[in-house]
Amino acid sequence: MVQETEREAKKENLNLEQIKRRLDNLDQRLDNIDTMVTALAERAMKRPLSVTITCPNCGQTVEIGMVGSEKMMK
């Protein structure tokens, strides 16, 4: 019975480590997305910016133009 409890504890510990690793990866990805969006917004605030997006389903192209004249406040 003691061995069974130890196995369950090790298994639970491995599951917690996997969850922690996944959360760390998600946090890093969100930080990367935040960095890209911030850089894009800062660029848009300095000069005109045009973003072209193609729909993966229908293939239609959408162009979005942005113009800004002030720097964002943090």
C-alpha atoms as a PDB file:
ATOM      1  CA  MET A   1       0.000   0.000   0.000  1.00  0.00           C
ATOM      2  CA  VAL A   2       2.889   2.361   0.738  1.00  0.00           C
ATOM      3  CA  GLN A   3       4.380   1.682  -2.698  1.00  0.00           C
ATOM      4  CA  GLU A   4       1.044   2.392  -4.328  1.00  0.00           C
ATOM      5  CA  THR A   5       0.790   5.721  -2.499  1.00  0.00           C
ATOM      6  CA  GLU A   6       4.362   6.605  -3.546  1.00  0.00           C
ATOM      7  CA  ARG A   7       3.562   5.786  -7.191  1.00  0.00           C
ATOM      8  CA  GLU A   8       0.469   7.967  -7.081  1.00  0.00           C
ATOM      9  CA  ALA A   9       2.472  10.806  -5.532  1.00  0.00           C
ATOM     10  CA  LYS A  10       5.166  10.525  -8.238  1.00  0.00           C
ATOM     11  CA  LYS A  11       2.521  10.438 -10.963  1.00  0.00           C
ATOM     12  CA  GLU A  12       0.800  13.486  -9.485  1.00  0.00           C
ATOM     13  CA  ASN A  13       4.143  15.279  -9.229  1.00  0.00           C
ATOM     14  CA  LEU A  14       4.863  14.538 -12.903  1.00  0.00           C
ATOM     15  CA  ASN A  15       1.424  15.883 -13.865  1.00  0.00           C
ATOM     16  CA  LEU A  16       2.078  19.064 -11.870  1.00  0.00           C
ATOM     17  CA  GLU A  17       5.472  19.494 -13.540  1.00  0.00           C
ATOM     18  CA  GLN A  18       3.880  19.048 -16.970  1.00  0.00           C
ATOM     19  CA  ILE A  19       1.209  21.639 -16.152  1.00  0.00           C
ATOM     20  CA  LYS A  20       3.880  24.044 -14.882  1.00  0.00           C
ATOM     21  CA  ARG A  21       5.930  23.535 -18.073  1.00  0.00           C
ATOM     22  CA  ARG A  22       2.862  24.151 -20.251  1.00  0.00           C
ATOM     23  CA  LEU A  23       1.971  27.302 -18.313  1.00  0.00           C
ATOM     24  CA  ASP A  24       5.532  28.573 -18.698  1.00  0.00           C
ATOM     25  CA  ASN A  25       5.372  27.930 -22.464  1.00  0.00           C
ATOM     26  CA  LEU A  26       2.019  29.707 -22.690  1.00  0.00           C
ATOM     27  CA  ASP A  27       3.387  32.650 -20.708  1.00  0.00           C
ATOM     28  CA  GLN A  28       6.380  32.901 -23.035  1.00  0.00           C
ATOM     29  CA  ARG A  29       4.144  32.778 -26.124  1.00  0.00           C
ATOM     30  CA  LEU A  30       1.870  35.481 -24.722  1.00  0.00           C
ATOM     31  CA  ASP A  31       4.915  37.642 -23.959  1.00  0.00           C
ATOM     32  CA  ASN A  32       6.108  37.193 -27.550  1.00  0.00           C
ATOM     33  CA  ILE A  33       2.683  38.143 -28.913  1.00  0.00           C
ATOM     34  CA  ASP A  34       2.590  41.174 -26.604  1.00  0.00           C
ATOM     35  CA  THR A  35       6.007  42.272 -27.855  1.00  0.00           C
ATOM     36  CA  MET A  36       4.926  41.983 -31.509  1.00  0.00           C
ATOM     37  CA  VAL A  37       1.648  43.821 -30.950  1.00  0.00           C
ATOM     38  CA  THR A  38       3.398  46.585 -29.004  1.00  0.00           C
ATOM     39  CA  ALA A  39       6.008  47.019 -31.745  1.00  0.00           C
ATOM     40  CA  LEU A  40       3.272  47.119 -34.371  1.00  0.00           C
ATOM     41  CA  ALA A  41       1.259  49.675 -32.403  1.00  0.00           C
ATOM     42  CA  GLU A  42       4.314  51.883 -31.836  1.00  0.00           C
ATOM     43  CA  ARG A  43       5.116  51.736 -35.538  1.00  0.00           C
ATOM     44  CA  ALA A  44       1.523  52.596 -36.398  1.00  0.00           C
ATOM     45  CA  MET A  45       1.633  55.598 -34.111  1.00  0.00           C
ATOM     46  CA  LYS A  46       4.741  56.944 -35.873  1.00  0.00           C
ATOM     47  CA  ARG A  47       3.696  56.588 -39.515  1.00  0.00           C
ATOM     48  CA  PRO A  48       1.055  55.082 -41.775  1.00  0.00           C
ATOM     49  CA  LEU A  49       0.890  51.301 -41.738  1.00  0.00           C
ATOM     50  CA  SER A  50      -0.830  48.872 -44.082  1.00  0.00           C
ATOM     51  CA  VAL A  51      -1.597  45.261 -43.109  1.00  0.00           C
ATOM     52  CA  THR A  52      -2.743  42.757 -45.721  1.00  0.00           C
ATOM     53  CA  ILE A  53      -4.528  39.617 -44.493  1.00  0.00           C
ATOM     54  CA  THR A  54      -5.657  36.680 -46.636  1.00  0.00           C
ATOM     55  CA  CYS A  55      -8.600  34.575 -45.454  1.00  0.00           C
ATOM     56  CA  PRO A  56      -7.491  30.914 -45.180  1.00  0.00           C
ATOM     57  CA  ASN A  57     -11.009  29.699 -46.059  1.00  0.00           C
ATOM     58  CA  CYS A  58     -12.040  31.768 -49.090  1.00  0.00           C
ATOM     59  CA  GLY A  59      -8.698  33.287 -50.129  1.00  0.00           C
ATOM     60  CA  GLN A  60     -10.095  36.841 -50.109  1.00  0.00           C
ATOM     61  CA  THR A  61      -7.506  39.517 -49.376  1.00  0.00           C
ATOM     62  CA  VAL A  62      -8.298  42.280 -46.896  1.00  0.00           C
ATOM     63  CA  GLU A  63      -6.073  45.332 -46.580  1.00  0.00           C
ATOM     64  CA  ILE A  64      -6.204  47.371 -43.390  1.00  0.00           C
ATOM     65  CA  GLY A  65      -4.669  50.843 -43.290  1.00  0.00           C
ATOM     66  CA  MET A  66      -3.827  52.616 -40.025  1.00  0.00           C
ATOM     67  CA  VAL A  67      -2.592  56.120 -39.397  1.00  0.00           C
ATOM     68  CA  GLY A  68      -1.538  57.609 -36.078  1.00  0.00           C
ATOM     69  CA  SER A  69       0.102  60.827 -34.997  1.00  0.00           C
ATOM     70  CA  GLU A  70       0.727  60.373 -31.266  1.00  0.00           C
ATOM     71  CA  LYS A  71       2.798  57.938 -29.238  1.00  0.00           C
ATOM     72  CA  MET A  72       0.913  55.558 -26.970  1.00  0.00           C
ATOM     73  CA  MET A  73       0.988  56.185 -23.243  1.00  0.00           C
ATOM     74  CA  LYS A  74       2.116  53.276 -21.059  1.00  0.00           C
END
